Amino acid sequence: MFPAQLLLRYKIIGLLWVLVCALVAQAQQAGGQQKDSANAFARLLRQALHTAMAGKPGAAVVVDVESGKIITQHGMKTAARRLATPGSTVKPFVLMALLKSQKFSSDEAFFCRRTLGIAGKRMDCTHPELAAPLHAEEALAYSCNSYFAAMAERISAADLVSALQHAGFTSPTGWSGDEVTGTVRETQTLEQRQLQALGEEDVKITPLELLAAYRIIALQHRREDKTWEVIYRGLQDSTTYGMAHAAAPDGYNVAGKTGTANSSSSAFTHGWFAGYAPAEKPEIALVVYLEHGRGSDAAAVARMIFTAYGKVKGGH
C-alpha cells in the first residue's frame, strides 16, 4: 500500500475516533443532565411532602406511574404497616364491581335524599344539596353515600369481595420488605355489604395498598384503556368540583378521591387522599394518610405535592 493511501486511512480513522468520542461525551452529558433533572424533581417533591406532613401523624408516598418506583415518601413504616378502613377511597373499586356485574348502567339516574342510616350508623351524605339526579360519574365526584349504599344491593357479597381483592387490598405491593397486607371479609347481610361498599367495615388496608390500586387506575388511563372511562372522569371531577376539590392545584388538572373513616382504636376519624397527576396522562400517583383528620385535610396535603410537581414540570 502506498504511503499516501496509508495517510488517508489514518486520517479517516482519526476523524471517526474524534466523532465517536464526541458522541459519547454528548450522551454522557445528556445522561448527567437527565439525572440532575430527576434528582431536582425528587428533591422538590420531597421538600413539599415533608413540609405538608410536618406535625401530622400519618404517611404520604409518591410513585412514578409508569415504572412504579417510589419518588419520595414520608412515614414509610406507617404506609407499610398501618391497617385502617379506607372510607370513600374504596368507591372507585365498588363502581368497578358494579360495571362488571352487568346489573348496572352508569347512565342510570339517582336522586340523593342525603340522610342515610345503616345498622344504627349515621352515614348521611356531606356533599352539597343537589337538585338534579346523579349518574355514576357525579356520584363518584360527590362521594354520594346514598348512591353507593343503594347500588350495593345490585352486587353479591362474593362479587364485592372479589373486586376489592382484585384491586390488591389483600396483596403485598413490593414497596416495603416488612409490609403487612389488608383484610377483606365476605359480609353476611345487606347492611354489612353497604357499609363495606362505603369503606367503613369489613375492609382494612394499608396506605401502600391503596396507592398501588390507584396507580393501576392511573396506568390504565395513561395507556388509554377505555374500560374505566367513567371512573377516570369521576376522579377528575372529584378534584374539579367534588369532595376532593381541596387537592386541586392551580394551572392544571389532577384526579383523585378523599376518604374519611372512623377509627376502631380512637374517637378520631382518619383522613385519606389517593390520586394522580396530570389527570389526562398520569405521571405520578400518590397517597396521603392522616391518622387524625378528614379527607379534606389529606387533600390539602396532596395539593402541596401537586403544586410542587406542577412547578418542576414547568408547563403546568
C-alpha atoms as a PDB file:
ATOM      1  CA  MET A   1       0.000   0.000   0.000  1.00  0.00           C
ATOM      2  CA  PHE A   2       1.381   3.442  -0.979  1.00  0.00           C
ATOM      3  CA  PRO A   3       2.253   5.965   1.744  1.00  0.00           C
ATOM      4  CA  ALA A   4      -0.459   8.384   0.502  1.00  0.00           C
ATOM      5  CA  GLN A   5      -3.149   5.723   0.891  1.00  0.00           C
ATOM      6  CA  LEU A   6      -1.921   4.880   4.393  1.00  0.00           C
ATOM      7  CA  LEU A   7      -2.008   8.529   5.346  1.00  0.00           C
ATOM      8  CA  LEU A   8      -5.588   8.890   4.076  1.00  0.00           C
ATOM      9  CA  ARG A   9      -6.667   5.800   6.020  1.00  0.00           C
ATOM     10  CA  TYR A  10      -5.123   7.115   9.254  1.00  0.00           C
ATOM     11  CA  LYS A  11      -6.856  10.457   8.761  1.00  0.00           C
ATOM     12  CA  ILE A  12     -10.236   8.754   8.278  1.00  0.00           C
ATOM     13  CA  ILE A  13      -9.699   6.584  11.367  1.00  0.00           C
ATOM     14  CA  GLY A  14      -8.708   9.657  13.351  1.00  0.00           C
ATOM     15  CA  LEU A  15     -11.812  11.573  12.280  1.00  0.00           C
ATOM     16  CA  LEU A  16     -14.039   8.630  13.143  1.00  0.00           C
ATOM     17  CA  TRP A  17     -12.423   8.352  16.561  1.00  0.00           C
ATOM     18  CA  VAL A  18     -12.990  12.058  17.248  1.00  0.00           C
ATOM     19  CA  LEU A  19     -16.629  11.695  16.155  1.00  0.00           C
ATOM     20  CA  VAL A  20     -17.179   8.667  18.410  1.00  0.00           C
ATOM     21  CA  CYS A  21     -15.622  10.455  21.396  1.00  0.00           C
ATOM     22  CA  ALA A  22     -17.808  13.500  20.761  1.00  0.00           C
ATOM     23  CA  LEU A  23     -20.944  11.374  20.606  1.00  0.00           C
ATOM     24  CA  VAL A  24     -20.009   9.531  23.823  1.00  0.00           C
ATOM     25  CA  ALA A  25     -19.342  12.813  25.612  1.00  0.00           C
ATOM     26  CA  GLN A  26     -22.651  14.235  24.376  1.00  0.00           C
ATOM     27  CA  ALA A  27     -24.532  11.151  25.587  1.00  0.00           C
ATOM     28  CA  GLN A  28     -22.814  11.321  28.973  1.00  0.00           C
ATOM     29  CA  GLN A  29     -23.658  15.000  29.273  1.00  0.00           C
ATOM     30  CA  ALA A  30     -27.303  14.358  28.349  1.00  0.00           C
ATOM     31  CA  GLY A  31     -27.473  11.481  30.811  1.00  0.00           C
ATOM     32  CA  GLY A  32     -25.996  13.673  33.506  1.00  0.00           C
ATOM     33  CA  GLN A  33     -28.499  16.413  32.773  1.00  0.00           C
ATOM     34  CA  GLN A  34     -31.382  13.923  32.917  1.00  0.00           C
ATOM     35  CA  LYS A  35     -30.070  12.563  36.212  1.00  0.00           C
ATOM     36  CA  ASP A  36     -29.693  16.081  37.612  1.00  0.00           C
ATOM     37  CA  SER A  37     -33.226  16.905  36.460  1.00  0.00           C
ATOM     38  CA  ALA A  38     -34.622  13.738  38.046  1.00  0.00           C
ATOM     39  CA  ASN A  39     -32.773  14.482  41.283  1.00  0.00           C
ATOM     40  CA  ALA A  40     -34.095  18.056  41.340  1.00  0.00           C
ATOM     41  CA  PHE A  41     -37.613  16.753  40.674  1.00  0.00           C
ATOM     42  CA  ALA A  42     -37.418  14.258  43.534  1.00  0.00           C
ATOM     43  CA  ARG A  43     -35.846  16.847  45.843  1.00  0.00           C
ATOM     44  CA  LEU A  44     -38.602  19.404  45.240  1.00  0.00           C
ATOM     45  CA  LEU A  45     -41.341  16.820  45.791  1.00  0.00           C
ATOM     46  CA  ARG A  46     -39.592  15.586  48.927  1.00  0.00           C
ATOM     47  CA  GLN A  47     -39.401  19.115  50.336  1.00  0.00           C
ATOM     48  CA  ALA A  48     -43.070  19.745  49.564  1.00  0.00           C
ATOM     49  CA  LEU A  49     -44.133  16.431  51.064  1.00  0.00           C
ATOM     50  CA  HIS A  50     -42.201  16.894  54.302  1.00  0.00           C
ATOM     51  CA  THR A  51     -43.454  20.468  54.681  1.00  0.00           C
ATOM     52  CA  ALA A  52     -47.046  19.384  54.065  1.00  0.00           C
ATOM     53  CA  MET A  53     -46.804  16.492  56.545  1.00  0.00           C
ATOM     54  CA  ALA A  54     -44.946  18.393  59.281  1.00  0.00           C
ATOM     55  CA  GLY A  55     -46.529  17.661  62.661  1.00  0.00           C
ATOM     56  CA  LYS A  56     -49.142  15.335  61.174  1.00  0.00           C
ATOM     57  CA  PRO A  57     -49.087  11.673  62.240  1.00  0.00           C
ATOM     58  CA  GLY A  58     -49.538   9.522  59.157  1.00  0.00           C
ATOM     59  CA  ALA A  59     -47.858   8.787  55.853  1.00  0.00           C
ATOM     60  CA  ALA A  60     -47.533  10.033  52.293  1.00  0.00           C
ATOM     61  CA  VAL A  61     -45.900   8.300  49.330  1.00  0.00           C
ATOM     62  CA  VAL A  62     -45.376   9.417  45.719  1.00  0.00           C
ATOM     63  CA  VAL A  63     -44.554   6.981  42.909  1.00  0.00           C
ATOM     64  CA  ASP A  64     -43.831   7.147  39.208  1.00  0.00           C
ATOM     65  CA  VAL A  65     -46.886   5.747  37.419  1.00  0.00           C
ATOM     66  CA  GLU A  66     -45.075   4.056  34.542  1.00  0.00           C
ATOM     67  CA  SER A  67     -42.191   2.424  36.438  1.00  0.00           C
ATOM     68  CA  GLY A  68     -43.831   2.066  39.846  1.00  0.00           C
ATOM     69  CA  LYS A  69     -40.677   3.398  41.527  1.00  0.00           C
ATOM     70  CA  ILE A  70     -41.038   5.433  44.714  1.00  0.00           C
ATOM     71  CA  ILE A  71     -40.058   9.060  44.107  1.00  0.00           C
ATOM     72  CA  THR A  72     -40.371  10.225  47.698  1.00  0.00           C
ATOM     73  CA  GLN A  73     -42.059   9.173  50.920  1.00  0.00           C
ATOM     74  CA  HIS A  74     -42.822  10.241  54.469  1.00  0.00           C
ATOM     75  CA  GLY A  75     -43.691   7.784  57.223  1.00  0.00           C
ATOM     76  CA  MET A  76     -42.906   4.646  55.256  1.00  0.00           C
ATOM     77  CA  LYS A  77     -43.355   2.356  58.258  1.00  0.00           C
ATOM     78  CA  THR A  78     -46.889   3.672  58.727  1.00  0.00           C
ATOM     79  CA  ALA A  79     -47.571   3.382  54.991  1.00  0.00           C
ATOM     80  CA  ALA A  80     -46.460  -0.239  55.028  1.00  0.00           C
ATOM     81  CA  ARG A  81     -47.916  -1.456  58.305  1.00  0.00           C
ATOM     82  CA  ARG A  82     -50.923   0.657  59.305  1.00  0.00           C
ATOM     83  CA  LEU A  83     -54.190  -1.144  58.619  1.00  0.00           C
ATOM     84  CA  ALA A  84     -57.217   1.143  58.501  1.00  0.00           C
ATOM     85  CA  THR A  85     -60.656   1.348  56.968  1.00  0.00           C
ATOM     86  CA  PRO A  86     -60.354   3.223  53.645  1.00  0.00           C
ATOM     87  CA  GLY A  87     -63.609   5.166  53.752  1.00  0.00           C
ATOM     88  CA  SER A  88     -64.796   6.586  50.452  1.00  0.00           C
ATOM     89  CA  THR A  89     -61.477   5.960  48.673  1.00  0.00           C
ATOM     90  CA  VAL A  90     -62.841   2.442  48.081  1.00  0.00           C
ATOM     91  CA  LYS A  91     -65.736   3.685  45.915  1.00  0.00           C
ATOM     92  CA  PRO A  92     -63.987   3.509  42.510  1.00  0.00           C
ATOM     93  CA  PHE A  93     -63.462  -0.209  43.075  1.00  0.00           C
ATOM     94  CA  VAL A  94     -67.084  -0.698  44.105  1.00  0.00           C
ATOM     95  CA  LEU A  95     -68.015   1.012  40.856  1.00  0.00           C
ATOM     96  CA  MET A  96     -65.776  -1.449  39.006  1.00  0.00           C
ATOM     97  CA  ALA A  97     -67.668  -4.338  40.613  1.00  0.00           C
ATOM     98  CA  LEU A  98     -70.975  -2.763  39.587  1.00  0.00           C
ATOM     99  CA  LEU A  99     -69.862  -2.287  35.985  1.00  0.00           C
ATOM    100  CA  LYS A 100     -68.619  -5.874  35.798  1.00  0.00           C
ATOM    101  CA  SER A 101     -71.888  -7.220  37.217  1.00  0.00           C
ATOM    102  CA  GLN A 102     -73.887  -6.135  34.136  1.00  0.00           C
ATOM    103  CA  LYS A 103     -76.771  -5.364  36.529  1.00  0.00           C
ATOM    104  CA  PHE A 104     -75.994  -1.688  36.425  1.00  0.00           C
ATOM    105  CA  SER A 105     -75.651   1.170  33.954  1.00  0.00           C
ATOM    106  CA  SER A 106     -73.508   4.219  34.639  1.00  0.00           C
ATOM    107  CA  ASP A 107     -76.188   6.345  32.949  1.00  0.00           C
ATOM    108  CA  GLU A 108     -78.890   5.457  35.498  1.00  0.00           C
ATOM    109  CA  ALA A 109     -80.320   8.487  37.314  1.00  0.00           C
ATOM    110  CA  PHE A 110     -80.392   8.514  41.112  1.00  0.00           C
ATOM    111  CA  PHE A 111     -81.902  11.130  43.426  1.00  0.00           C
ATOM    112  CA  CYS A 112     -79.937  11.577  46.648  1.00  0.00           C
ATOM    113  CA  ARG A 113     -82.017  12.040  49.819  1.00  0.00           C
ATOM    114  CA  ARG A 114     -78.858  12.943  51.794  1.00  0.00           C
ATOM    115  CA  THR A 115     -79.950  11.268  55.042  1.00  0.00           C
ATOM    116  CA  LEU A 116     -78.774   7.692  55.424  1.00  0.00           C
ATOM    117  CA  GLY A 117     -78.756   5.262  58.340  1.00  0.00           C
ATOM    118  CA  ILE A 118     -77.204   1.790  58.103  1.00  0.00           C
ATOM    119  CA  ALA A 119     -77.233  -0.661  61.021  1.00  0.00           C
ATOM    120  CA  GLY A 120     -77.590   2.161  63.523  1.00  0.00           C
ATOM    121  CA  LYS A 121     -74.811   4.252  61.972  1.00  0.00           C
ATOM    122  CA  ARG A 122     -75.389   7.725  60.570  1.00  0.00           C
ATOM    123  CA  MET A 123     -73.875   7.763  57.083  1.00  0.00           C
ATOM    124  CA  ASP A 124     -75.531  10.931  55.786  1.00  0.00           C
ATOM    125  CA  CYS A 125     -74.164  12.478  52.611  1.00  0.00           C
ATOM    126  CA  THR A 126     -71.932  15.525  53.167  1.00  0.00           C
ATOM    127  CA  HIS A 127     -71.901  16.846  49.604  1.00  0.00           C
ATOM    128  CA  PRO A 128     -73.898  19.985  48.695  1.00  0.00           C
ATOM    129  CA  GLU A 129     -77.626  19.597  48.213  1.00  0.00           C
ATOM    130  CA  LEU A 130     -78.302  18.730  44.583  1.00  0.00           C
ATOM    131  CA  ALA A 131     -81.449  19.485  42.624  1.00  0.00           C
ATOM    132  CA  ALA A 132     -80.535  17.254  39.679  1.00  0.00           C
ATOM    133  CA  PRO A 133     -80.228  13.469  39.737  1.00  0.00           C
ATOM    134  CA  LEU A 134     -76.810  11.819  39.962  1.00  0.00           C
ATOM    135  CA  HIS A 135     -75.227   9.431  37.494  1.00  0.00           C
ATOM    136  CA  ALA A 136     -72.196   7.278  38.272  1.00  0.00           C
ATOM    137  CA  GLU A 137     -69.641   9.939  37.349  1.00  0.00           C
ATOM    138  CA  GLU A 138     -71.237  12.610  39.541  1.00  0.00           C
ATOM    139  CA  ALA A 139     -71.893  10.135  42.364  1.00  0.00           C
ATOM    140  CA  LEU A 140     -68.185   9.346  42.467  1.00  0.00           C
ATOM    141  CA  ALA A 141     -67.211  13.027  42.273  1.00  0.00           C
ATOM    142  CA  TYR A 142     -69.583  13.965  45.096  1.00  0.00           C
ATOM    143  CA  SER A 143     -68.858  10.738  47.001  1.00  0.00           C
ATOM    144  CA  CYS A 144     -72.573  10.139  47.470  1.00  0.00           C
ATOM    145  CA  ASN A 145     -73.054   7.576  50.244  1.00  0.00           C
ATOM    146  CA  SER A 146     -76.736   7.140  49.409  1.00  0.00           C
ATOM    147  CA  TYR A 147     -75.887   6.230  45.817  1.00  0.00           C
ATOM    148  CA  PHE A 148     -73.248   3.632  46.685  1.00  0.00           C
ATOM    149  CA  ALA A 149     -75.328   2.126  49.501  1.00  0.00           C
ATOM    150  CA  ALA A 150     -78.266   1.724  47.104  1.00  0.00           C
ATOM    151  CA  MET A 151     -76.103   0.267  44.340  1.00  0.00           C
ATOM    152  CA  ALA A 152     -74.512  -2.218  46.751  1.00  0.00           C
ATOM    153  CA  GLU A 153     -77.834  -4.070  46.607  1.00  0.00           C
ATOM    154  CA  ARG A 154     -77.048  -4.918  42.961  1.00  0.00           C
ATOM    155  CA  ILE A 155     -73.928  -6.972  43.670  1.00  0.00           C
ATOM    156  CA  SER A 156     -73.348 -10.052  45.764  1.00  0.00           C
ATOM    157  CA  ALA A 157     -71.113 -10.155  48.799  1.00  0.00           C
ATOM    158  CA  ALA A 158     -68.766 -12.505  46.937  1.00  0.00           C
ATOM    159  CA  ASP A 159     -68.520 -10.192  43.926  1.00  0.00           C
ATOM    160  CA  LEU A 160     -67.711  -7.210  46.122  1.00  0.00           C
ATOM    161  CA  VAL A 161     -65.011  -9.137  47.968  1.00  0.00           C
ATOM    162  CA  SER A 162     -63.580 -10.307  44.642  1.00  0.00           C
ATOM    163  CA  ALA A 163     -63.418  -6.721  43.330  1.00  0.00           C
ATOM    164  CA  LEU A 164     -61.621  -5.475  46.441  1.00  0.00           C
ATOM    165  CA  GLN A 165     -59.177  -8.360  46.347  1.00  0.00           C
ATOM    166  CA  HIS A 166     -58.578  -7.779  42.635  1.00  0.00           C
ATOM    167  CA  ALA A 167     -57.754  -4.144  43.473  1.00  0.00           C
ATOM    168  CA  GLY A 168     -54.886  -5.507  45.591  1.00  0.00           C
ATOM    169  CA  PHE A 169     -56.325  -4.914  49.039  1.00  0.00           C
ATOM    170  CA  THR A 170     -55.084  -8.279  50.341  1.00  0.00           C
ATOM    171  CA  SER A 171     -51.775  -8.386  48.463  1.00  0.00           C
ATOM    172  CA  PRO A 172     -48.246  -7.090  49.154  1.00  0.00           C
ATOM    173  CA  THR A 173     -47.161  -4.173  46.975  1.00  0.00           C
ATOM    174  CA  GLY A 174     -43.431  -4.935  46.971  1.00  0.00           C
ATOM    175  CA  TRP A 175     -42.574  -1.391  48.062  1.00  0.00           C
ATOM    176  CA  SER A 176     -41.524  -2.407  51.572  1.00  0.00           C
ATOM    177  CA  GLY A 177     -39.872  -5.509  52.920  1.00  0.00           C
ATOM    178  CA  ASP A 178     -41.858  -5.526  56.152  1.00  0.00           C
ATOM    179  CA  GLU A 179     -45.310  -4.536  54.890  1.00  0.00           C
ATOM    180  CA  VAL A 180     -48.490  -6.196  56.091  1.00  0.00           C
ATOM    181  CA  THR A 181     -51.477  -6.980  53.912  1.00  0.00           C
ATOM    182  CA  GLY A 182     -55.074  -5.917  54.230  1.00  0.00           C
ATOM    183  CA  THR A 183     -58.143  -7.905  55.143  1.00  0.00           C
ATOM    184  CA  VAL A 184     -61.422  -8.116  53.221  1.00  0.00           C
ATOM    185  CA  ARG A 185     -64.181 -10.229  54.748  1.00  0.00           C
ATOM    186  CA  GLU A 186     -67.230 -11.526  52.968  1.00  0.00           C
ATOM    187  CA  THR A 187     -70.318  -9.958  54.530  1.00  0.00           C
ATOM    188  CA  GLN A 188     -73.443 -11.808  55.622  1.00  0.00           C
ATOM    189  CA  THR A 189     -76.148  -9.144  55.427  1.00  0.00           C
ATOM    190  CA  LEU A 190     -77.112  -6.325  53.074  1.00  0.00           C
ATOM    191  CA  GLU A 191     -76.329  -3.705  55.722  1.00  0.00           C
ATOM    192  CA  GLN A 192     -72.855  -5.144  56.205  1.00  0.00           C
ATOM    193  CA  ARG A 193     -72.332  -5.122  52.449  1.00  0.00           C
ATOM    194  CA  GLN A 194     -73.444  -1.489  52.242  1.00  0.00           C
ATOM    195  CA  LEU A 195     -71.010  -0.465  54.980  1.00  0.00           C
ATOM    196  CA  GLN A 196     -68.245  -2.371  53.212  1.00  0.00           C
ATOM    197  CA  ALA A 197     -69.082  -0.553  49.954  1.00  0.00           C
ATOM    198  CA  LEU A 198     -68.639   2.725  51.857  1.00  0.00           C
ATOM    199  CA  GLY A 199     -65.264   1.582  53.215  1.00  0.00           C
ATOM    200  CA  GLU A 200     -66.499   1.596  56.814  1.00  0.00           C
ATOM    201  CA  GLU A 201     -66.455  -2.053  57.840  1.00  0.00           C
ATOM    202  CA  ASP A 202     -65.089  -5.460  56.839  1.00  0.00           C
ATOM    203  CA  VAL A 203     -62.208  -3.956  54.865  1.00  0.00           C
ATOM    204  CA  LYS A 204     -58.881  -2.725  56.211  1.00  0.00           C
ATOM    205  CA  ILE A 205     -55.909  -1.825  54.051  1.00  0.00           C
ATOM    206  CA  THR A 206     -52.509  -0.149  54.221  1.00  0.00           C
ATOM    207  CA  PRO A 207     -51.705   3.187  52.575  1.00  0.00           C
ATOM    208  CA  LEU A 208     -49.331   1.330  50.241  1.00  0.00           C
ATOM    209  CA  GLU A 209     -52.120  -0.977  49.091  1.00  0.00           C
ATOM    210  CA  LEU A 210     -54.365   1.987  48.342  1.00  0.00           C
ATOM    211  CA  LEU A 211     -51.562   3.693  46.442  1.00  0.00           C
ATOM    212  CA  ALA A 212     -50.939   0.549  44.376  1.00  0.00           C
ATOM    213  CA  ALA A 213     -54.636   0.324  43.494  1.00  0.00           C
ATOM    214  CA  TYR A 214     -54.826   3.962  42.342  1.00  0.00           C
ATOM    215  CA  ARG A 215     -51.555   3.602  40.448  1.00  0.00           C
ATOM    216  CA  ILE A 216     -53.175   0.808  38.401  1.00  0.00           C
ATOM    217  CA  ILE A 217     -56.105   3.100  37.566  1.00  0.00           C
ATOM    218  CA  ALA A 218     -53.620   5.809  36.542  1.00  0.00           C
ATOM    219  CA  LEU A 219     -51.597   3.346  34.466  1.00  0.00           C
ATOM    220  CA  GLN A 220     -54.687   2.108  32.620  1.00  0.00           C
ATOM    221  CA  HIS A 221     -55.704   5.707  31.935  1.00  0.00           C
ATOM    222  CA  ARG A 222     -52.177   6.591  30.772  1.00  0.00           C
ATOM    223  CA  ARG A 223     -52.276   3.679  28.326  1.00  0.00           C
ATOM    224  CA  GLU A 224     -55.668   4.868  27.043  1.00  0.00           C
ATOM    225  CA  ASP A 225     -57.590   1.847  28.301  1.00  0.00           C
ATOM    226  CA  LYS A 226     -61.238   2.970  27.984  1.00  0.00           C
ATOM    227  CA  THR A 227     -62.630   0.247  30.290  1.00  0.00           C
ATOM    228  CA  TRP A 228     -62.990   2.545  33.288  1.00  0.00           C
ATOM    229  CA  GLU A 229     -63.661   5.827  31.476  1.00  0.00           C
ATOM    230  CA  VAL A 230     -66.489   6.752  33.862  1.00  0.00           C
ATOM    231  CA  ILE A 231     -64.095   6.288  36.793  1.00  0.00           C
ATOM    232  CA  TYR A 232     -61.370   8.439  35.213  1.00  0.00           C
ATOM    233  CA  ARG A 233     -63.922  11.201  34.668  1.00  0.00           C
ATOM    234  CA  GLY A 234     -65.387  10.838  38.156  1.00  0.00           C
ATOM    235  CA  LEU A 235     -61.976  11.093  39.815  1.00  0.00           C
ATOM    236  CA  GLN A 236     -61.082  14.193  37.815  1.00  0.00           C
ATOM    237  CA  ASP A 237     -64.485  15.718  38.579  1.00  0.00           C
ATOM    238  CA  SER A 238     -63.921  14.979  42.252  1.00  0.00           C
ATOM    239  CA  THR A 239     -60.920  17.325  42.341  1.00  0.00           C
ATOM    240  CA  THR A 240     -62.522  19.858  39.979  1.00  0.00           C
ATOM    241  CA  TYR A 241     -65.858  20.428  41.717  1.00  0.00           C
ATOM    242  CA  GLY A 242     -66.459  17.475  44.035  1.00  0.00           C
ATOM    243  CA  MET A 243     -65.444  16.403  47.509  1.00  0.00           C
ATOM    244  CA  ALA A 244     -61.699  16.297  46.700  1.00  0.00           C
ATOM    245  CA  HIS A 245     -61.549  19.865  45.359  1.00  0.00           C
ATOM    246  CA  ALA A 246     -59.095  20.824  48.121  1.00  0.00           C
ATOM    247  CA  ALA A 247     -56.443  18.780  46.280  1.00  0.00           C
ATOM    248  CA  ALA A 248     -56.671  20.785  43.046  1.00  0.00           C
ATOM    249  CA  PRO A 249     -53.568  22.896  42.258  1.00  0.00           C
ATOM    250  CA  ASP A 250     -53.627  25.990  40.097  1.00  0.00           C
ATOM    251  CA  GLY A 251     -52.873  25.626  36.416  1.00  0.00           C
ATOM    252  CA  TYR A 252     -53.551  22.001  35.563  1.00  0.00           C
ATOM    253  CA  ASN A 253     -55.898  19.077  36.225  1.00  0.00           C
ATOM    254  CA  VAL A 254     -55.433  16.252  38.700  1.00  0.00           C
ATOM    255  CA  ALA A 255     -57.631  13.330  39.727  1.00  0.00           C
ATOM    256  CA  GLY A 256     -58.298  11.609  42.999  1.00  0.00           C
ATOM    257  CA  LYS A 257     -60.593  10.683  45.843  1.00  0.00           C
ATOM    258  CA  THR A 258     -60.840  11.575  49.507  1.00  0.00           C
ATOM    259  CA  GLY A 259     -61.968   9.361  52.345  1.00  0.00           C
ATOM    260  CA  THR A 260     -62.929   9.937  55.967  1.00  0.00           C
ATOM    261  CA  ALA A 261     -63.431   6.883  58.141  1.00  0.00           C
ATOM    262  CA  ASN A 262     -63.987   6.150  61.790  1.00  0.00           C
ATOM    263  CA  SER A 263     -61.091   4.668  63.698  1.00  0.00           C
ATOM    264  CA  SER A 264     -61.524   1.420  65.586  1.00  0.00           C
ATOM    265  CA  SER A 265     -58.822   2.430  68.067  1.00  0.00           C
ATOM    266  CA  SER A 266     -59.784   6.013  68.947  1.00  0.00           C
ATOM    267  CA  ALA A 267     -62.562   8.594  68.827  1.00  0.00           C
ATOM    268  CA  PHE A 268     -60.831  10.394  65.964  1.00  0.00           C
ATOM    269  CA  THR A 269     -61.501   9.930  62.271  1.00  0.00           C
ATOM    270  CA  HIS A 270     -58.636   9.304  59.893  1.00  0.00           C
ATOM    271  CA  GLY A 271     -58.330  11.005  56.520  1.00  0.00           C
ATOM    272  CA  TRP A 272     -57.260   9.722  53.117  1.00  0.00           C
ATOM    273  CA  PHE A 273     -56.458  11.056  49.694  1.00  0.00           C
ATOM    274  CA  ALA A 274     -55.346   8.930  46.755  1.00  0.00           C
ATOM    275  CA  GLY A 275     -54.910  10.153  43.212  1.00  0.00           C
ATOM    276  CA  TYR A 276     -52.646  11.021  40.308  1.00  0.00           C
ATOM    277  CA  ALA A 277     -51.418  13.824  38.047  1.00  0.00           C
ATOM    278  CA  PRO A 278     -51.803  15.084  35.427  1.00  0.00           C
ATOM    279  CA  ALA A 279     -55.382  13.877  35.091  1.00  0.00           C
ATOM    280  CA  GLU A 280     -55.194  13.493  31.301  1.00  0.00           C
ATOM    281  CA  LYS A 281     -51.950  11.463  31.169  1.00  0.00           C
ATOM    282  CA  PRO A 282     -50.790  10.497  34.657  1.00  0.00           C
ATOM    283  CA  GLU A 283     -47.107  10.588  35.527  1.00  0.00           C
ATOM    284  CA  ILE A 284     -47.210  10.432  39.337  1.00  0.00           C
ATOM    285  CA  ALA A 285     -49.555   8.753  41.782  1.00  0.00           C
ATOM    286  CA  LEU A 286     -49.748   9.474  45.488  1.00  0.00           C
ATOM    287  CA  VAL A 287     -51.439   8.521  48.715  1.00  0.00           C
ATOM    288  CA  VAL A 288     -51.860  10.627  51.838  1.00  0.00           C
ATOM    289  CA  TYR A 289     -52.985   9.023  55.092  1.00  0.00           C
ATOM    290  CA  LEU A 290     -53.602  11.150  58.198  1.00  0.00           C
ATOM    291  CA  GLU A 291     -54.010   9.335  61.496  1.00  0.00           C
ATOM    292  CA  HIS A 292     -56.194  12.163  62.814  1.00  0.00           C
ATOM    293  CA  GLY A 293     -58.187  14.179  60.322  1.00  0.00           C
ATOM    294  CA  ARG A 294     -60.621  14.136  57.465  1.00  0.00           C
ATOM    295  CA  GLY A 295     -60.366  13.524  53.760  1.00  0.00           C
ATOM    296  CA  SER A 296     -60.302  17.264  53.102  1.00  0.00           C
ATOM    297  CA  ASP A 297     -57.213  17.565  55.327  1.00  0.00           C
ATOM    298  CA  ALA A 298     -55.449  14.837  53.355  1.00  0.00           C
ATOM    299  CA  ALA A 299     -56.475  16.553  50.104  1.00  0.00           C
ATOM    300  CA  ALA A 300     -54.857  19.793  51.295  1.00  0.00           C
ATOM    301  CA  VAL A 301     -51.590  17.892  51.797  1.00  0.00           C
ATOM    302  CA  ALA A 302     -51.911  16.420  48.307  1.00  0.00           C
ATOM    303  CA  ARG A 303     -52.416  19.895  46.839  1.00  0.00           C
ATOM    304  CA  MET A 304     -48.995  20.991  48.082  1.00  0.00           C
ATOM    305  CA  ILE A 305     -47.397  17.976  46.421  1.00  0.00           C
ATOM    306  CA  PHE A 306     -49.306  18.512  43.180  1.00  0.00           C
ATOM    307  CA  THR A 307     -48.309  22.192  43.219  1.00  0.00           C
ATOM    308  CA  ALA A 308     -44.636  21.269  43.576  1.00  0.00           C
ATOM    309  CA  TYR A 309     -44.971  18.771  40.742  1.00  0.00           C
ATOM    310  CA  GLY A 310     -46.507  21.459  38.525  1.00  0.00           C
ATOM    311  CA  LYS A 311     -43.676  23.868  39.259  1.00  0.00           C
ATOM    312  CA  VAL A 312     -40.912  21.419  38.493  1.00  0.00           C
ATOM    313  CA  LYS A 313     -42.600  20.333  35.272  1.00  0.00           C
ATOM    314  CA  GLY A 314     -42.852  23.959  34.223  1.00  0.00           C
ATOM    315  CA  GLY A 315     -45.702  23.555  31.785  1.00  0.00           C
ATOM    316  CA  HIS A 316     -48.364  23.063  34.458  1.00  0.00           C
END
